[in-house]
Amino acid sequence: MPVPMDAFDDVRPALECLDLLPEPVVAAIRDWRGSVPVEELRHVDTDPAIADTAPLVERYGSWLMEQSANCVVVAGKRGGEITLAACVVLSHTRVDVNGVVRRQLGARKASFAPMDKAVGDSGMEYGGITPIGLPADWPLLVDAAVADTPYALIGSGSRRGKLIVPGKALAELPGATVLEGLGVA
């Protein structure tokens, strides 16, 4: 079975590409912890015009859809409190915002966070937000299917480029909770 590295001509260790990544991602890579060595994180330089999943897999291969993951920012509301959380699901699924996410956050209402809030608070670009380097106070919800994938193609924090990361490493990120059913068909 192919892995995301097979789709790209130039795959380099993320440590060699820090100049292409936003500061929060750089800081997280430099301070990497966990059982997966930081050297296993890879970077591929891609055209920002095809940063979204559909055009990317159209260009590099439809099989990548099964090994790509999206990171979306959700706002959970309870009373006057708003909690931002990041949710990572395989690209061929969608986040169960009003079920799994709402319950996990203990929120009365949950919805996708406004773009300006997600971008401003994460320090990353819209369409490239990655779970690596998110604010420490954000819950990180990772679908079990992502955690179980050998490698996931994810955003790099910028629309230019992608990271290829073992699913296990995503499950071990600070603040991560692995949940069954977070991504639904």
N, C-alpha and C. Protein backbone atom coordinates (compact mmCIF):
# COMPACT_ATOMS: atom_id res chain seq x y z
N MET A 1 0.84 -1.18 0.00
CA MET A 1 0.00 0.00 0.00
C MET A 1 0.89 1.25 0.00
N PRO A 2 0.60 2.20 -0.88
CA PRO A 2 1.43 3.40 -0.91
C PRO A 2 1.22 4.26 0.33
N VAL A 3 2.20 5.08 0.63
CA VAL A 3 2.13 6.05 1.72
C VAL A 3 2.25 7.44 1.11
N PRO A 4 1.85 8.49 1.83
CA PRO A 4 1.88 9.83 1.23
C PRO A 4 3.22 10.24 0.64
N MET A 5 4.33 9.78 1.20
CA MET A 5 5.64 10.14 0.65
C MET A 5 5.79 9.70 -0.80
N ASP A 6 5.07 8.64 -1.20
CA ASP A 6 5.17 8.11 -2.55
C ASP A 6 4.61 9.06 -3.61
N ALA A 7 3.77 10.01 -3.21
CA ALA A 7 3.10 10.88 -4.17
C ALA A 7 3.95 12.07 -4.61
N PHE A 8 5.00 12.37 -3.87
CA PHE A 8 5.75 13.61 -4.09
C PHE A 8 7.20 13.33 -4.46
N ASP A 9 7.75 14.18 -5.32
CA ASP A 9 9.14 14.03 -5.75
C ASP A 9 10.14 14.48 -4.70
N ASP A 10 9.79 15.53 -3.95
CA ASP A 10 10.74 16.11 -2.99
C ASP A 10 10.14 16.08 -1.58
N VAL A 11 10.49 15.06 -0.83
CA VAL A 11 10.03 14.90 0.55
C VAL A 11 11.24 15.05 1.44
N ARG A 12 11.17 16.04 2.36
CA ARG A 12 12.33 16.31 3.22
C ARG A 12 11.91 16.28 4.69
N PRO A 13 12.85 16.02 5.58
CA PRO A 13 12.53 16.13 7.00
C PRO A 13 12.04 17.55 7.32
N ALA A 14 11.00 17.64 8.13
CA ALA A 14 10.44 18.95 8.49
C ALA A 14 11.50 19.84 9.14
N LEU A 15 12.44 19.23 9.87
CA LEU A 15 13.51 20.00 10.51
C LEU A 15 14.35 20.78 9.50
N GLU A 16 14.40 20.31 8.26
CA GLU A 16 15.17 21.00 7.21
C GLU A 16 14.36 22.09 6.51
N CYS A 17 13.09 22.23 6.89
CA CYS A 17 12.19 23.15 6.18
C CYS A 17 11.58 24.20 7.11
N LEU A 18 12.21 24.46 8.22
CA LEU A 18 11.63 25.39 9.20
C LEU A 18 11.40 26.78 8.62
N ASP A 19 12.18 27.17 7.64
CA ASP A 19 12.00 28.48 7.02
C ASP A 19 10.70 28.58 6.21
N LEU A 20 10.06 27.45 5.93
CA LEU A 20 8.81 27.44 5.17
C LEU A 20 7.58 27.35 6.08
N LEU A 21 7.80 27.26 7.38
CA LEU A 21 6.71 27.03 8.33
C LEU A 21 6.46 28.26 9.20
N PRO A 22 5.21 28.46 9.63
CA PRO A 22 4.93 29.57 10.55
C PRO A 22 5.53 29.31 11.94
N GLU A 23 5.75 30.37 12.68
CA GLU A 23 6.43 30.30 13.96
C GLU A 23 5.84 29.29 14.95
N PRO A 24 4.51 29.21 15.11
CA PRO A 24 4.01 28.22 16.09
C PRO A 24 4.38 26.78 15.73
N VAL A 25 4.43 26.49 14.44
CA VAL A 25 4.78 25.14 13.99
C VAL A 25 6.28 24.91 14.19
N VAL A 26 7.07 25.91 13.88
CA VAL A 26 8.52 25.82 14.09
C VAL A 26 8.82 25.55 15.56
N ALA A 27 8.18 26.32 16.45
CA ALA A 27 8.41 26.14 17.89
C ALA A 27 8.04 24.73 18.34
N ALA A 28 6.93 24.20 17.84
CA ALA A 28 6.50 22.85 18.23
C ALA A 28 7.47 21.79 17.72
N ILE A 29 7.97 21.96 16.52
CA ILE A 29 8.92 20.99 15.98
C ILE A 29 10.24 21.05 16.75
N ARG A 30 10.69 22.24 17.07
CA ARG A 30 11.94 22.38 17.83
C ARG A 30 11.82 21.79 19.24
N ASP A 31 10.61 21.82 19.81
CA ASP A 31 10.39 21.32 21.17
C ASP A 31 9.67 19.96 21.15
N TRP A 32 9.86 19.20 20.09
CA TRP A 32 9.14 17.94 19.88
C TRP A 32 9.34 16.96 21.02
N ARG A 33 8.26 16.35 21.46
CA ARG A 33 8.29 15.30 22.48
C ARG A 33 7.43 14.13 21.99
N GLY A 34 7.63 13.00 22.57
CA GLY A 34 6.78 11.86 22.21
C GLY A 34 7.61 10.69 21.76
N SER A 35 6.94 9.59 21.53
CA SER A 35 7.63 8.36 21.17
C SER A 35 8.08 8.34 19.71
N VAL A 36 7.47 9.17 18.86
CA VAL A 36 7.85 9.25 17.46
C VAL A 36 8.95 10.30 17.32
N PRO A 37 10.12 9.92 16.83
CA PRO A 37 11.21 10.90 16.68
C PRO A 37 10.82 12.01 15.70
N VAL A 38 11.24 13.23 16.00
CA VAL A 38 10.93 14.38 15.16
C VAL A 38 11.42 14.18 13.73
N GLU A 39 12.44 13.38 13.54
CA GLU A 39 12.97 13.11 12.21
C GLU A 39 11.96 12.40 11.31
N GLU A 40 10.93 11.80 11.90
CA GLU A 40 9.91 11.12 11.11
C GLU A 40 8.86 12.07 10.54
N LEU A 41 8.88 13.33 10.96
CA LEU A 41 7.98 14.32 10.40
C LEU A 41 8.58 14.80 9.09
N ARG A 42 7.79 14.77 8.04
CA ARG A 42 8.27 15.13 6.71
C ARG A 42 7.53 16.36 6.21
N HIS A 43 8.17 17.07 5.30
CA HIS A 43 7.56 18.24 4.67
C HIS A 43 7.62 18.06 3.16
N VAL A 44 6.54 18.45 2.48
CA VAL A 44 6.53 18.52 1.02
C VAL A 44 6.10 19.93 0.65
N ASP A 45 6.82 20.53 -0.26
CA ASP A 45 6.52 21.88 -0.72
C ASP A 45 5.49 21.76 -1.83
N THR A 46 4.32 22.35 -1.62
CA THR A 46 3.24 22.27 -2.61
C THR A 46 2.78 23.67 -2.97
N ASP A 47 2.12 23.77 -4.08
CA ASP A 47 1.57 25.02 -4.58
C ASP A 47 0.41 25.46 -3.69
N PRO A 48 0.43 26.70 -3.17
CA PRO A 48 -0.68 27.18 -2.33
C PRO A 48 -2.03 27.13 -3.03
N ALA A 49 -2.04 27.20 -4.35
CA ALA A 49 -3.30 27.17 -5.09
C ALA A 49 -4.01 25.83 -4.98
N ILE A 50 -3.29 24.78 -4.61
CA ILE A 50 -3.92 23.47 -4.47
C ILE A 50 -3.81 22.96 -3.03
N ALA A 51 -3.83 23.88 -2.08
CA ALA A 51 -3.70 23.50 -0.66
C ALA A 51 -4.91 22.73 -0.15
N ASP A 52 -6.08 23.02 -0.70
CA ASP A 52 -7.28 22.31 -0.26
C ASP A 52 -7.21 20.86 -0.73
N THR A 53 -7.85 19.98 0.01
CA THR A 53 -7.73 18.54 -0.23
C THR A 53 -8.13 18.13 -1.63
N ALA A 54 -9.29 18.58 -2.12
CA ALA A 54 -9.77 18.13 -3.42
C ALA A 54 -8.78 18.42 -4.56
N PRO A 55 -8.31 19.66 -4.71
CA PRO A 55 -7.35 19.88 -5.80
C PRO A 55 -6.01 19.17 -5.57
N LEU A 56 -5.62 19.02 -4.32
CA LEU A 56 -4.35 18.34 -4.03
C LEU A 56 -4.41 16.88 -4.47
N VAL A 57 -5.47 16.18 -4.08
CA VAL A 57 -5.55 14.76 -4.45
C VAL A 57 -5.82 14.59 -5.94
N GLU A 58 -6.47 15.57 -6.54
CA GLU A 58 -6.67 15.50 -7.99
C GLU A 58 -5.32 15.55 -8.71
N ARG A 59 -4.42 16.36 -8.19
CA ARG A 59 -3.10 16.50 -8.81
C ARG A 59 -2.17 15.33 -8.50
N TYR A 60 -2.15 14.88 -7.24
CA TYR A 60 -1.16 13.89 -6.81
C TYR A 60 -1.67 12.45 -6.72
N GLY A 61 -2.97 12.27 -6.78
CA GLY A 61 -3.51 10.91 -6.74
C GLY A 61 -4.69 10.79 -5.80
N SER A 62 -5.78 10.24 -6.31
CA SER A 62 -7.01 10.13 -5.52
C SER A 62 -6.82 9.22 -4.30
N TRP A 63 -5.86 8.32 -4.36
CA TRP A 63 -5.61 7.43 -3.22
C TRP A 63 -5.18 8.21 -1.98
N LEU A 64 -4.66 9.44 -2.16
CA LEU A 64 -4.24 10.26 -1.01
C LEU A 64 -5.42 10.67 -0.13
N MET A 65 -6.63 10.66 -0.67
CA MET A 65 -7.80 11.05 0.12
C MET A 65 -7.91 10.19 1.38
N GLU A 66 -7.57 8.92 1.26
CA GLU A 66 -7.67 8.00 2.40
C GLU A 66 -6.57 8.23 3.43
N GLN A 67 -5.51 8.95 3.06
CA GLN A 67 -4.39 9.16 3.98
C GLN A 67 -4.16 10.63 4.29
N SER A 68 -5.12 11.46 3.94
CA SER A 68 -5.05 12.88 4.26
C SER A 68 -5.98 13.17 5.43
N ALA A 69 -5.58 14.13 6.24
CA ALA A 69 -6.42 14.52 7.37
C ALA A 69 -6.57 16.04 7.39
N ASN A 70 -7.73 16.48 7.79
CA ASN A 70 -8.02 17.91 7.91
C ASN A 70 -8.08 18.29 9.38
N CYS A 71 -7.61 19.50 9.67
CA CYS A 71 -7.68 20.06 11.01
C CYS A 71 -8.61 21.26 10.95
N VAL A 72 -9.73 21.16 11.65
CA VAL A 72 -10.69 22.26 11.66
C VAL A 72 -10.83 22.79 13.08
N VAL A 73 -11.07 24.08 13.18
CA VAL A 73 -11.20 24.73 14.48
C VAL A 73 -12.67 24.94 14.78
N VAL A 74 -13.07 24.53 15.97
CA VAL A 74 -14.46 24.58 16.40
C VAL A 74 -14.55 25.47 17.64
N ALA A 75 -15.67 26.17 17.75
CA ALA A 75 -15.95 26.99 18.93
C ALA A 75 -17.10 26.34 19.70
N GLY A 76 -16.83 25.92 20.93
CA GLY A 76 -17.87 25.38 21.80
C GLY A 76 -18.32 26.47 22.74
N LYS A 77 -19.64 26.62 22.91
CA LYS A 77 -20.18 27.70 23.74
C LYS A 77 -21.04 27.11 24.86
N ARG A 78 -20.82 27.63 26.05
CA ARG A 78 -21.65 27.27 27.21
C ARG A 78 -21.71 28.52 28.08
N GLY A 79 -22.92 29.05 28.25
CA GLY A 79 -23.06 30.30 28.96
C GLY A 79 -22.32 31.37 28.18
N GLY A 80 -21.51 32.15 28.84
CA GLY A 80 -20.71 33.18 28.17
C GLY A 80 -19.33 32.70 27.78
N GLU A 81 -19.03 31.44 28.05
CA GLU A 81 -17.70 30.89 27.77
C GLU A 81 -17.62 30.31 26.35
N ILE A 82 -16.52 30.61 25.67
CA ILE A 82 -16.25 30.04 24.35
C ILE A 82 -14.93 29.29 24.44
N THR A 83 -14.95 28.03 24.05
CA THR A 83 -13.75 27.20 24.02
C THR A 83 -13.42 26.88 22.57
N LEU A 84 -12.22 27.24 22.16
CA LEU A 84 -11.76 26.84 20.83
C LEU A 84 -11.09 25.48 20.94
N ALA A 85 -11.36 24.63 19.98
CA ALA A 85 -10.75 23.30 19.94
C ALA A 85 -10.41 22.97 18.49
N ALA A 86 -9.40 22.16 18.30
CA ALA A 86 -9.03 21.69 16.97
C ALA A 86 -9.46 20.24 16.85
N CYS A 87 -10.00 19.91 15.70
CA CYS A 87 -10.46 18.54 15.43
C CYS A 87 -9.75 18.03 14.19
N VAL A 88 -9.19 16.83 14.29
CA VAL A 88 -8.46 16.23 13.18
C VAL A 88 -9.17 14.96 12.75
N VAL A 89 -9.63 14.96 11.50
CA VAL A 89 -10.35 13.82 10.94
C VAL A 89 -9.80 13.51 9.56
N LEU A 90 -9.98 12.28 9.12
CA LEU A 90 -9.57 11.92 7.76
C LEU A 90 -10.36 12.77 6.77
N SER A 91 -9.74 13.12 5.67
CA SER A 91 -10.33 14.06 4.71
C SER A 91 -11.60 13.57 4.05
N HIS A 92 -11.82 12.28 4.00
CA HIS A 92 -13.05 11.78 3.38
C HIS A 92 -14.20 11.70 4.38
N THR A 93 -13.99 12.26 5.59
CA THR A 93 -15.05 12.33 6.59
C THR A 93 -15.26 13.79 6.98
N ARG A 94 -16.26 14.03 7.81
CA ARG A 94 -16.50 15.37 8.33
C ARG A 94 -16.56 15.29 9.84
N VAL A 95 -16.29 16.39 10.50
CA VAL A 95 -16.28 16.44 11.96
C VAL A 95 -17.72 16.42 12.49
N ASP A 96 -17.97 15.56 13.45
CA ASP A 96 -19.28 15.50 14.10
C ASP A 96 -19.34 16.62 15.15
N VAL A 97 -19.55 17.84 14.67
CA VAL A 97 -19.50 19.03 15.52
C VAL A 97 -20.61 19.02 16.58
N ASN A 98 -21.83 18.73 16.17
CA ASN A 98 -22.96 18.83 17.10
C ASN A 98 -23.20 17.59 17.93
N GLY A 99 -22.40 16.56 17.74
CA GLY A 99 -22.51 15.35 18.54
C GLY A 99 -21.26 15.17 19.39
N VAL A 100 -20.28 14.49 18.83
CA VAL A 100 -19.06 14.14 19.56
C VAL A 100 -18.33 15.37 20.10
N VAL A 101 -18.14 16.38 19.26
CA VAL A 101 -17.38 17.57 19.70
C VAL A 101 -18.12 18.30 20.81
N ARG A 102 -19.40 18.57 20.60
CA ARG A 102 -20.19 19.30 21.59
C ARG A 102 -20.16 18.59 22.94
N ARG A 103 -20.36 17.30 22.93
CA ARG A 103 -20.33 16.54 24.19
C ARG A 103 -18.94 16.55 24.82
N GLN A 104 -17.90 16.36 24.02
CA GLN A 104 -16.52 16.33 24.55
C GLN A 104 -16.15 17.66 25.20
N LEU A 105 -16.62 18.76 24.63
CA LEU A 105 -16.30 20.08 25.17
C LEU A 105 -17.25 20.51 26.29
N GLY A 106 -18.32 19.72 26.51
CA GLY A 106 -19.31 20.10 27.52
C GLY A 106 -20.02 21.39 27.13
N ALA A 107 -20.21 21.58 25.84
CA ALA A 107 -20.81 22.81 25.33
C ALA A 107 -22.30 22.60 25.05
N ARG A 108 -23.04 23.69 25.16
CA ARG A 108 -24.45 23.64 24.78
C ARG A 108 -24.59 23.75 23.27
N LYS A 109 -23.64 24.48 22.66
CA LYS A 109 -23.67 24.70 21.22
C LYS A 109 -22.23 24.64 20.70
N ALA A 110 -22.06 24.07 19.54
CA ALA A 110 -20.74 24.04 18.91
C ALA A 110 -20.91 24.35 17.43
N SER A 111 -19.93 25.06 16.89
CA SER A 111 -19.95 25.39 15.47
C SER A 111 -18.51 25.64 15.02
N PHE A 112 -18.33 25.72 13.71
CA PHE A 112 -16.99 26.03 13.21
C PHE A 112 -16.63 27.43 13.67
N ALA A 113 -15.41 27.62 14.11
CA ALA A 113 -14.95 28.92 14.57
C ALA A 113 -14.87 29.88 13.39
N PRO A 114 -15.14 31.16 13.63
CA PRO A 114 -14.97 32.13 12.55
C PRO A 114 -13.52 32.12 12.04
N MET A 115 -13.37 32.28 10.73
CA MET A 115 -12.06 32.19 10.12
C MET A 115 -11.06 33.15 10.76
N ASP A 116 -11.45 34.40 10.99
CA ASP A 116 -10.51 35.36 11.54
C ASP A 116 -10.06 34.98 12.95
N LYS A 117 -10.95 34.37 13.72
CA LYS A 117 -10.60 33.91 15.07
C LYS A 117 -9.64 32.72 15.00
N ALA A 118 -9.96 31.74 14.14
CA ALA A 118 -9.11 30.55 14.00
C ALA A 118 -7.71 30.93 13.53
N VAL A 119 -7.62 31.81 12.55
CA VAL A 119 -6.34 32.23 12.00
C VAL A 119 -5.59 33.10 13.01
N GLY A 120 -6.27 34.06 13.59
CA GLY A 120 -5.61 34.97 14.53
C GLY A 120 -5.09 34.28 15.76
N ASP A 121 -5.88 33.39 16.34
CA ASP A 121 -5.48 32.71 17.58
C ASP A 121 -4.45 31.61 17.34
N SER A 122 -4.47 30.98 16.15
CA SER A 122 -3.53 29.88 15.88
C SER A 122 -2.19 30.39 15.34
N GLY A 123 -2.19 31.56 14.71
CA GLY A 123 -0.97 32.05 14.08
C GLY A 123 -0.66 31.32 12.78
N MET A 124 -1.69 30.69 12.21
CA MET A 124 -1.52 29.91 10.99
C MET A 124 -2.44 30.45 9.91
N GLU A 125 -2.25 29.98 8.68
CA GLU A 125 -3.06 30.43 7.56
C GLU A 125 -4.32 29.58 7.42
N TYR A 126 -5.40 30.23 7.03
CA TYR A 126 -6.64 29.52 6.75
C TYR A 126 -6.39 28.55 5.60
N GLY A 127 -6.86 27.34 5.75
CA GLY A 127 -6.63 26.32 4.74
C GLY A 127 -5.33 25.57 4.94
N GLY A 128 -4.58 25.93 5.98
CA GLY A 128 -3.32 25.25 6.25
C GLY A 128 -3.15 24.94 7.72
N ILE A 129 -4.17 25.24 8.54
CA ILE A 129 -4.04 25.02 9.98
C ILE A 129 -3.71 23.56 10.25
N THR A 130 -2.73 23.37 11.12
CA THR A 130 -2.25 22.04 11.46
C THR A 130 -2.37 21.83 12.97
N PRO A 131 -2.49 20.60 13.42
CA PRO A 131 -2.55 20.36 14.86
C PRO A 131 -1.21 20.56 15.56
N ILE A 132 -0.14 20.66 14.81
CA ILE A 132 1.19 20.82 15.39
C ILE A 132 1.45 22.31 15.62
N GLY A 133 1.56 22.70 16.88
CA GLY A 133 1.85 24.09 17.20
C GLY A 133 0.64 24.93 17.58
N LEU A 134 -0.47 24.29 17.84
CA LEU A 134 -1.66 25.03 18.24
C LEU A 134 -1.49 25.59 19.66
N PRO A 135 -2.29 26.61 20.02
CA PRO A 135 -2.21 27.13 21.39
C PRO A 135 -2.40 26.02 22.43
N ALA A 136 -1.62 26.08 23.49
CA ALA A 136 -1.61 25.03 24.51
C ALA A 136 -2.95 24.86 25.21
N ASP A 137 -3.76 25.90 25.26
CA ASP A 137 -5.04 25.80 25.97
C ASP A 137 -6.18 25.27 25.10
N TRP A 138 -5.91 24.96 23.84
CA TRP A 138 -6.93 24.40 22.98
C TRP A 138 -6.99 22.88 23.15
N PRO A 139 -8.16 22.33 23.40
CA PRO A 139 -8.27 20.88 23.31
C PRO A 139 -8.00 20.44 21.86
N LEU A 140 -7.34 19.32 21.70
CA LEU A 140 -7.07 18.76 20.38
C LEU A 140 -7.77 17.41 20.32
N LEU A 141 -8.77 17.31 19.47
CA LEU A 141 -9.55 16.09 19.33
C LEU A 141 -9.11 15.39 18.05
N VAL A 142 -8.66 14.16 18.18
CA VAL A 142 -8.12 13.41 17.06
C VAL A 142 -8.97 12.16 16.86
N ASP A 143 -9.50 12.00 15.66
CA ASP A 143 -10.30 10.82 15.37
C ASP A 143 -9.41 9.58 15.46
N ALA A 144 -9.94 8.51 16.00
CA ALA A 144 -9.18 7.27 16.17
C ALA A 144 -8.64 6.75 14.83
N ALA A 145 -9.37 6.97 13.75
CA ALA A 145 -8.90 6.52 12.44
C ALA A 145 -7.64 7.27 12.01
N VAL A 146 -7.51 8.54 12.40
CA VAL A 146 -6.29 9.31 12.11
C VAL A 146 -5.13 8.75 12.94
N ALA A 147 -5.39 8.52 14.22
CA ALA A 147 -4.35 7.99 15.11
C ALA A 147 -3.85 6.63 14.62
N ASP A 148 -4.72 5.86 13.98
CA ASP A 148 -4.36 4.52 13.52
C ASP A 148 -3.69 4.49 12.15
N THR A 149 -3.69 5.61 11.43
CA THR A 149 -3.10 5.60 10.10
C THR A 149 -1.56 5.65 10.21
N PRO A 150 -0.87 4.87 9.38
CA PRO A 150 0.59 4.89 9.46
C PRO A 150 1.16 6.29 9.24
N TYR A 151 0.66 7.00 8.23
CA TYR A 151 1.09 8.37 7.95
C TYR A 151 -0.12 9.17 7.50
N ALA A 152 -0.22 10.40 7.98
CA ALA A 152 -1.28 11.30 7.55
C ALA A 152 -0.67 12.52 6.88
N LEU A 153 -1.24 12.91 5.77
CA LEU A 153 -0.86 14.13 5.07
C LEU A 153 -1.73 15.23 5.65
N ILE A 154 -1.10 16.22 6.29
CA ILE A 154 -1.83 17.29 6.98
C ILE A 154 -1.29 18.65 6.56
N GLY A 155 -1.98 19.69 6.98
CA GLY A 155 -1.52 21.04 6.73
C GLY A 155 -0.19 21.30 7.42
N SER A 156 0.47 22.37 6.99
CA SER A 156 1.77 22.72 7.58
C SER A 156 1.70 24.02 8.37
N GLY A 157 0.49 24.57 8.51
CA GLY A 157 0.33 25.87 9.14
C GLY A 157 0.31 26.98 8.11
N SER A 158 0.67 26.64 6.90
CA SER A 158 0.71 27.56 5.77
C SER A 158 0.01 26.86 4.60
N ARG A 159 -0.52 27.65 3.68
CA ARG A 159 -1.12 27.02 2.49
C ARG A 159 -0.04 26.44 1.58
N ARG A 160 1.17 26.89 1.75
CA ARG A 160 2.28 26.35 0.97
C ARG A 160 2.88 25.19 1.75
N GLY A 161 2.76 24.02 1.23
CA GLY A 161 3.39 22.85 1.84
C GLY A 161 2.44 22.04 2.70
N LYS A 162 2.84 20.81 2.89
CA LYS A 162 2.11 19.85 3.74
C LYS A 162 3.12 19.12 4.61
N LEU A 163 2.62 18.61 5.71
CA LEU A 163 3.42 17.74 6.57
C LEU A 163 2.91 16.31 6.42
N ILE A 164 3.81 15.37 6.53
CA ILE A 164 3.46 13.94 6.56
C ILE A 164 3.93 13.43 7.92
N VAL A 165 2.96 12.99 8.70
CA VAL A 165 3.21 12.68 10.11
C VAL A 165 2.58 11.33 10.46
N PRO A 166 3.28 10.47 11.20
CA PRO A 166 2.64 9.24 11.67
C PRO A 166 1.40 9.58 12.52
N GLY A 167 0.33 8.82 12.29
CA GLY A 167 -0.90 9.05 13.07
C GLY A 167 -0.65 8.98 14.57
N LYS A 168 0.23 8.08 14.97
CA LYS A 168 0.56 7.93 16.39
C LYS A 168 1.11 9.22 16.97
N ALA A 169 1.90 9.95 16.17
CA ALA A 169 2.47 11.22 16.64
C ALA A 169 1.38 12.26 16.86
N LEU A 170 0.37 12.26 16.01
CA LEU A 170 -0.73 13.21 16.18
C LEU A 170 -1.51 12.90 17.46
N ALA A 171 -1.67 11.63 17.76
CA ALA A 171 -2.38 11.22 18.98
C ALA A 171 -1.62 11.60 20.24
N GLU A 172 -0.30 11.79 20.12
CA GLU A 172 0.54 12.12 21.28
C GLU A 172 0.80 13.62 21.44
N LEU A 173 0.23 14.44 20.56
CA LEU A 173 0.46 15.88 20.67
C LEU A 173 -0.10 16.42 21.99
N PRO A 174 0.48 17.50 22.51
CA PRO A 174 -0.03 18.07 23.76
C PRO A 174 -1.53 18.39 23.67
N GLY A 175 -2.26 18.00 24.69
CA GLY A 175 -3.70 18.27 24.76
C GLY A 175 -4.55 17.36 23.91
N ALA A 176 -3.97 16.34 23.27
CA ALA A 176 -4.73 15.48 22.37
C ALA A 176 -5.57 14.47 23.11
N THR A 177 -6.78 14.27 22.61
CA THR A 177 -7.68 13.23 23.05
C THR A 177 -8.12 12.48 21.81
N VAL A 178 -7.93 11.17 21.80
CA VAL A 178 -8.34 10.35 20.66
C VAL A 178 -9.77 9.90 20.90
N LEU A 179 -10.62 10.11 19.89
CA LEU A 179 -12.04 9.80 20.02
C LEU A 179 -12.53 8.95 18.85
N GLU A 180 -13.28 7.92 19.17
CA GLU A 180 -13.96 7.13 18.15
C GLU A 180 -15.15 7.96 17.63
N GLY A 181 -15.37 7.92 16.33
CA GLY A 181 -16.54 8.56 15.76
C GLY A 181 -16.48 10.07 15.62
N LEU A 182 -15.31 10.67 15.82
CA LEU A 182 -15.19 12.12 15.64
C LEU A 182 -15.41 12.48 14.17
N GLY A 183 -14.89 11.67 13.29
CA GLY A 183 -15.11 11.85 11.85
C GLY A 183 -16.21 10.92 11.38
N VAL A 184 -17.19 11.48 10.69
CA VAL A 184 -18.30 10.69 10.20
C VAL A 184 -18.39 10.81 8.67
N ALA A 185 -18.92 9.76 8.06
CA ALA A 185 -19.01 9.74 6.58
C ALA A 185 -20.04 10.74 6.09
